[in-house]
C-alpha atoms as a PDB file:
ATOM      1  CA  UNK A   1     -11.405 -22.420 -52.381  1.00  0.00           C
ATOM      2  CA  UNK A   2     -13.758 -23.612 -49.689  1.00  0.00           C
ATOM      3  CA  UNK A   3     -15.236 -26.715 -48.082  1.00  0.00           C
ATOM      4  CA  UNK A   4     -17.528 -27.207 -51.071  1.00  0.00           C
ATOM      5  CA  UNK A   5     -14.444 -27.791 -53.225  1.00  0.00           C
ATOM      6  CA  UNK A   6     -12.994 -30.149 -50.613  1.00  0.00           C
ATOM      7  CA  UNK A   7     -16.261 -32.122 -50.508  1.00  0.00           C
ATOM      8  CA  UNK A   8     -16.450 -32.256 -54.284  1.00  0.00           C
ATOM      9  CA  UNK A   9     -12.935 -33.677 -54.530  1.00  0.00           C
ATOM     10  CA  UNK A  10     -13.675 -36.153 -51.722  1.00  0.00           C
ATOM     11  CA  UNK A  11     -16.810 -37.195 -53.646  1.00  0.00           C
ATOM     12  CA  UNK A  12     -14.822 -37.712 -56.846  1.00  0.00           C
ATOM     13  CA  UNK A  13     -12.223 -39.792 -55.019  1.00  0.00           C
ATOM     14  CA  UNK A  14     -14.873 -41.848 -53.214  1.00  0.00           C
ATOM     15  CA  UNK A  15     -16.754 -42.513 -56.447  1.00  0.00           C
ATOM     16  CA  UNK A  16     -14.254 -45.278 -57.182  1.00  0.00           C
ATOM     17  CA  UNK A  17     -14.520 -46.823 -53.714  1.00  0.00           C
ATOM     18  CA  UNK A  18     -16.545 -49.814 -54.909  1.00  0.00           C
ATOM     19  CA  UNK A  19     -14.187 -50.403 -57.844  1.00  0.00           C
ATOM     20  CA  UNK A  20     -10.705 -49.823 -56.418  1.00  0.00           C
ATOM     21  CA  UNK A  21     -10.811 -48.972 -52.709  1.00  0.00           C
ATOM     22  CA  UNK A  22      -7.039 -49.151 -52.364  1.00  0.00           C
ATOM     23  CA  UNK A  23      -6.664 -46.233 -54.806  1.00  0.00           C
ATOM     24  CA  UNK A  24      -9.179 -43.856 -53.227  1.00  0.00           C
ATOM     25  CA  UNK A  25      -6.701 -41.739 -51.260  1.00  0.00           C
ATOM     26  CA  UNK A  26      -4.273 -41.687 -54.193  1.00  0.00           C
ATOM     27  CA  UNK A  27      -7.098 -40.416 -56.385  1.00  0.00           C
ATOM     28  CA  UNK A  28      -7.790 -37.633 -53.902  1.00  0.00           C
ATOM     29  CA  UNK A  29      -4.140 -36.603 -53.881  1.00  0.00           C
ATOM     30  CA  UNK A  30      -4.137 -36.545 -57.694  1.00  0.00           C
ATOM     31  CA  UNK A  31      -7.223 -34.325 -57.733  1.00  0.00           C
ATOM     32  CA  UNK A  32      -5.567 -31.862 -55.363  1.00  0.00           C
ATOM     33  CA  UNK A  33      -2.398 -31.960 -57.486  1.00  0.00           C
ATOM     34  CA  UNK A  34      -4.504 -30.963 -60.515  1.00  0.00           C
ATOM     35  CA  UNK A  35      -5.857 -27.961 -58.605  1.00  0.00           C
ATOM     36  CA  UNK A  36      -2.341 -26.931 -57.658  1.00  0.00           C
ATOM     37  CA  UNK A  37      -1.183 -27.338 -61.275  1.00  0.00           C
ATOM     38  CA  UNK A  38      -4.000 -24.954 -62.259  1.00  0.00           C
ATOM     39  CA  UNK A  39      -2.482 -22.426 -59.871  1.00  0.00           C
ATOM     40  CA  UNK A  40      -5.151 -22.945 -57.221  1.00  0.00           C
ATOM     41  CA  UNK A  41      -3.226 -23.479 -54.016  1.00  0.00           C
ATOM     42  CA  UNK A  42      -5.586 -24.850 -51.356  1.00  0.00           C
ATOM     43  CA  UNK A  43      -5.237 -24.079 -47.673  1.00  0.00           C
ATOM     44  CA  UNK A  44      -3.868 -27.141 -45.891  1.00  0.00           C
ATOM     45  CA  UNK A  45      -6.988 -27.283 -43.700  1.00  0.00           C
ATOM     46  CA  UNK A  46      -9.134 -27.957 -46.801  1.00  0.00           C
ATOM     47  CA  UNK A  47      -6.845 -30.723 -47.981  1.00  0.00           C
ATOM     48  CA  UNK A  48      -6.930 -32.228 -44.483  1.00  0.00           C
ATOM     49  CA  UNK A  49     -10.732 -31.902 -44.388  1.00  0.00           C
ATOM     50  CA  UNK A  50     -11.124 -33.813 -47.652  1.00  0.00           C
ATOM     51  CA  UNK A  51      -8.680 -36.497 -46.506  1.00  0.00           C
ATOM     52  CA  UNK A  52     -10.596 -36.921 -43.261  1.00  0.00           C
ATOM     53  CA  UNK A  53     -13.866 -37.293 -45.177  1.00  0.00           C
ATOM     54  CA  UNK A  54     -12.395 -39.922 -47.486  1.00  0.00           C
ATOM     55  CA  UNK A  55     -10.752 -41.870 -44.660  1.00  0.00           C
ATOM     56  CA  UNK A  56     -13.908 -41.638 -42.559  1.00  0.00           C
ATOM     57  CA  UNK A  57     -16.187 -42.917 -45.303  1.00  0.00           C
ATOM     58  CA  UNK A  58     -13.791 -45.788 -46.008  1.00  0.00           C
ATOM     59  CA  UNK A  59     -13.641 -46.687 -42.306  1.00  0.00           C
ATOM     60  CA  UNK A  60     -17.410 -46.440 -41.741  1.00  0.00           C
ATOM     61  CA  UNK A  61     -18.543 -47.742 -45.152  1.00  0.00           C
ATOM     62  CA  UNK A  62     -20.372 -50.796 -43.781  1.00  0.00           C
ATOM     63  CA  UNK A  63     -22.356 -48.726 -41.292  1.00  0.00           C
ATOM     64  CA  UNK A  64     -23.168 -46.049 -43.871  1.00  0.00           C
ATOM     65  CA  UNK A  65     -24.286 -48.652 -46.405  1.00  0.00           C
ATOM     66  CA  UNK A  66     -26.475 -50.306 -43.773  1.00  0.00           C
ATOM     67  CA  UNK A  67     -28.306 -47.010 -43.243  1.00  0.00           C
ATOM     68  CA  UNK A  68     -28.718 -46.496 -46.979  1.00  0.00           C
ATOM     69  CA  UNK A  69     -30.112 -50.025 -47.360  1.00  0.00           C
ATOM     70  CA  UNK A  70     -32.616 -49.419 -44.550  1.00  0.00           C
ATOM     71  CA  UNK A  71     -33.817 -46.086 -45.912  1.00  0.00           C
ATOM     72  CA  UNK A  72     -33.785 -46.783 -49.663  1.00  0.00           C
ATOM     73  CA  UNK A  73     -37.088 -48.589 -49.343  1.00  0.00           C
ATOM     74  CA  UNK A  74     -38.048 -50.406 -52.515  1.00  0.00           C
ATOM     75  CA  UNK A  75     -34.587 -50.003 -54.024  1.00  0.00           C
ATOM     76  CA  UNK A  76     -32.006 -52.720 -54.592  1.00  0.00           C
ATOM     77  CA  UNK A  77     -28.822 -51.363 -53.008  1.00  0.00           C
ATOM     78  CA  UNK A  78     -26.647 -52.893 -55.723  1.00  0.00           C
ATOM     79  CA  UNK A  79     -28.646 -51.054 -58.381  1.00  0.00           C
ATOM     80  CA  UNK A  80     -28.501 -47.611 -56.796  1.00  0.00           C
ATOM     81  CA  UNK A  81     -26.704 -45.069 -58.938  1.00  0.00           C
ATOM     82  CA  UNK A  82     -23.043 -44.845 -57.910  1.00  0.00           C
ATOM     83  CA  UNK A  83     -23.299 -41.056 -57.693  1.00  0.00           C
ATOM     84  CA  UNK A  84     -26.243 -41.279 -55.302  1.00  0.00           C
ATOM     85  CA  UNK A  85     -24.620 -43.958 -53.170  1.00  0.00           C
ATOM     86  CA  UNK A  86     -21.370 -41.998 -52.949  1.00  0.00           C
ATOM     87  CA  UNK A  87     -23.076 -38.725 -52.038  1.00  0.00           C
ATOM     88  CA  UNK A  88     -25.206 -40.470 -49.420  1.00  0.00           C
ATOM     89  CA  UNK A  89     -22.138 -42.071 -47.850  1.00  0.00           C
ATOM     90  CA  UNK A  90     -20.343 -38.743 -47.726  1.00  0.00           C
ATOM     91  CA  UNK A  91     -23.257 -36.795 -46.241  1.00  0.00           C
ATOM     92  CA  UNK A  92     -24.156 -39.533 -43.755  1.00  0.00           C
ATOM     93  CA  UNK A  93     -20.565 -39.649 -42.569  1.00  0.00           C
ATOM     94  CA  UNK A  94     -20.658 -35.917 -41.900  1.00  0.00           C
ATOM     95  CA  UNK A  95     -24.045 -36.129 -40.186  1.00  0.00           C
ATOM     96  CA  UNK A  96     -23.079 -39.003 -37.900  1.00  0.00           C
ATOM     97  CA  UNK A  97     -19.394 -38.456 -37.225  1.00  0.00           C
ATOM     98  CA  UNK A  98     -18.725 -34.732 -37.684  1.00  0.00           C
ATOM     99  CA  UNK A  99     -20.796 -32.914 -35.047  1.00  0.00           C
ATOM    100  CA  UNK A 100     -18.925 -29.708 -35.888  1.00  0.00           C
ATOM    101  CA  UNK A 101     -20.774 -29.572 -39.233  1.00  0.00           C
ATOM    102  CA  UNK A 102     -24.407 -28.484 -39.167  1.00  0.00           C
ATOM    103  CA  UNK A 103     -26.640 -31.257 -40.487  1.00  0.00           C
ATOM    104  CA  UNK A 104     -28.504 -28.955 -42.922  1.00  0.00           C
ATOM    105  CA  UNK A 105     -25.135 -27.999 -44.437  1.00  0.00           C
ATOM    106  CA  UNK A 106     -24.282 -31.654 -45.077  1.00  0.00           C
ATOM    107  CA  UNK A 107     -27.677 -32.228 -46.683  1.00  0.00           C
ATOM    108  CA  UNK A 108     -27.509 -29.077 -48.818  1.00  0.00           C
ATOM    109  CA  UNK A 109     -24.013 -29.911 -50.038  1.00  0.00           C
ATOM    110  CA  UNK A 110     -25.049 -33.442 -51.043  1.00  0.00           C
ATOM    111  CA  UNK A 111     -28.130 -32.150 -52.870  1.00  0.00           C
ATOM    112  CA  UNK A 112     -26.103 -29.492 -54.705  1.00  0.00           C
ATOM    113  CA  UNK A 113     -23.517 -32.050 -55.806  1.00  0.00           C
ATOM    114  CA  UNK A 114     -26.354 -34.357 -56.904  1.00  0.00           C
ATOM    115  CA  UNK A 115     -27.681 -31.584 -59.149  1.00  0.00           C
ATOM    116  CA  UNK A 116     -24.304 -31.438 -60.886  1.00  0.00           C
ATOM    117  CA  UNK A 117     -23.295 -35.110 -60.989  1.00  0.00           C
ATOM    118  CA  UNK A 118     -26.482 -37.103 -60.513  1.00  0.00           C
ATOM    119  CA  UNK A 119     -29.523 -37.936 -62.545  1.00  0.00           C
ATOM    120  CA  UNK A 120     -32.673 -35.845 -62.633  1.00  0.00           C
ATOM    121  CA  UNK A 121     -34.208 -37.592 -59.614  1.00  0.00           C
ATOM    122  CA  UNK A 122     -30.979 -37.764 -57.597  1.00  0.00           C
ATOM    123  CA  UNK A 123     -31.417 -34.536 -55.591  1.00  0.00           C
ATOM    124  CA  UNK A 124     -34.919 -35.524 -54.469  1.00  0.00           C
ATOM    125  CA  UNK A 125     -33.866 -39.090 -53.624  1.00  0.00           C
ATOM    126  CA  UNK A 126     -30.832 -37.940 -51.636  1.00  0.00           C
ATOM    127  CA  UNK A 127     -32.770 -35.214 -49.848  1.00  0.00           C
ATOM    128  CA  UNK A 128     -35.449 -37.731 -48.846  1.00  0.00           C
ATOM    129  CA  UNK A 129     -33.050 -40.208 -47.282  1.00  0.00           C
ATOM    130  CA  UNK A 130     -30.914 -37.577 -45.575  1.00  0.00           C
ATOM    131  CA  UNK A 131     -33.993 -35.705 -44.369  1.00  0.00           C
ATOM    132  CA  UNK A 132     -35.293 -38.843 -42.684  1.00  0.00           C
ATOM    133  CA  UNK A 133     -31.949 -39.479 -41.010  1.00  0.00           C
ATOM    134  CA  UNK A 134     -31.823 -35.852 -39.840  1.00  0.00           C
ATOM    135  CA  UNK A 135     -35.297 -36.144 -38.285  1.00  0.00           C
ATOM    136  CA  UNK A 136     -34.241 -39.306 -36.442  1.00  0.00           C
ATOM    137  CA  UNK A 137     -30.592 -38.432 -35.891  1.00  0.00           C
ATOM    138  CA  UNK A 138     -30.596 -39.392 -32.194  1.00  0.00           C
ATOM    139  CA  UNK A 139     -31.492 -42.986 -33.102  1.00  0.00           C
ATOM    140  CA  UNK A 140     -28.719 -43.143 -35.660  1.00  0.00           C
ATOM    141  CA  UNK A 141     -26.170 -41.609 -33.286  1.00  0.00           C
ATOM    142  CA  UNK A 142     -27.029 -44.255 -30.684  1.00  0.00           C
ATOM    143  CA  UNK A 143     -26.437 -47.016 -33.232  1.00  0.00           C
ATOM    144  CA  UNK A 144     -23.150 -45.603 -34.520  1.00  0.00           C
END
């Protein structure tokens, strides 16, 4: 098990954020419990990492959504695919609030998860928004 797994479980838990925000952390704990039931015992640091991602996205949701709205030019935020919105929130949180994680890693992880869970255009859409933020990261750090 690695950080990819932790991110994937954080993504799955955060997917319901717009529907039932109060259950997001419980969902994450249930997902980890399923892994344990399968005999896959995660290192505590991975569980903590996924919890921190989920808590961070919940705490910074307004700011993350503001960035998505600004960069999703020509798109109605309410009509964005939930998968795309969730992956963007997760990656943007890492990029802006986790300086210990290389920005290209956050982008690559979001794109890879988009290939699995998103629509055909999701990886390109996500890469475009995150790429722009990466190029202008100093501006976004100043605002955060």
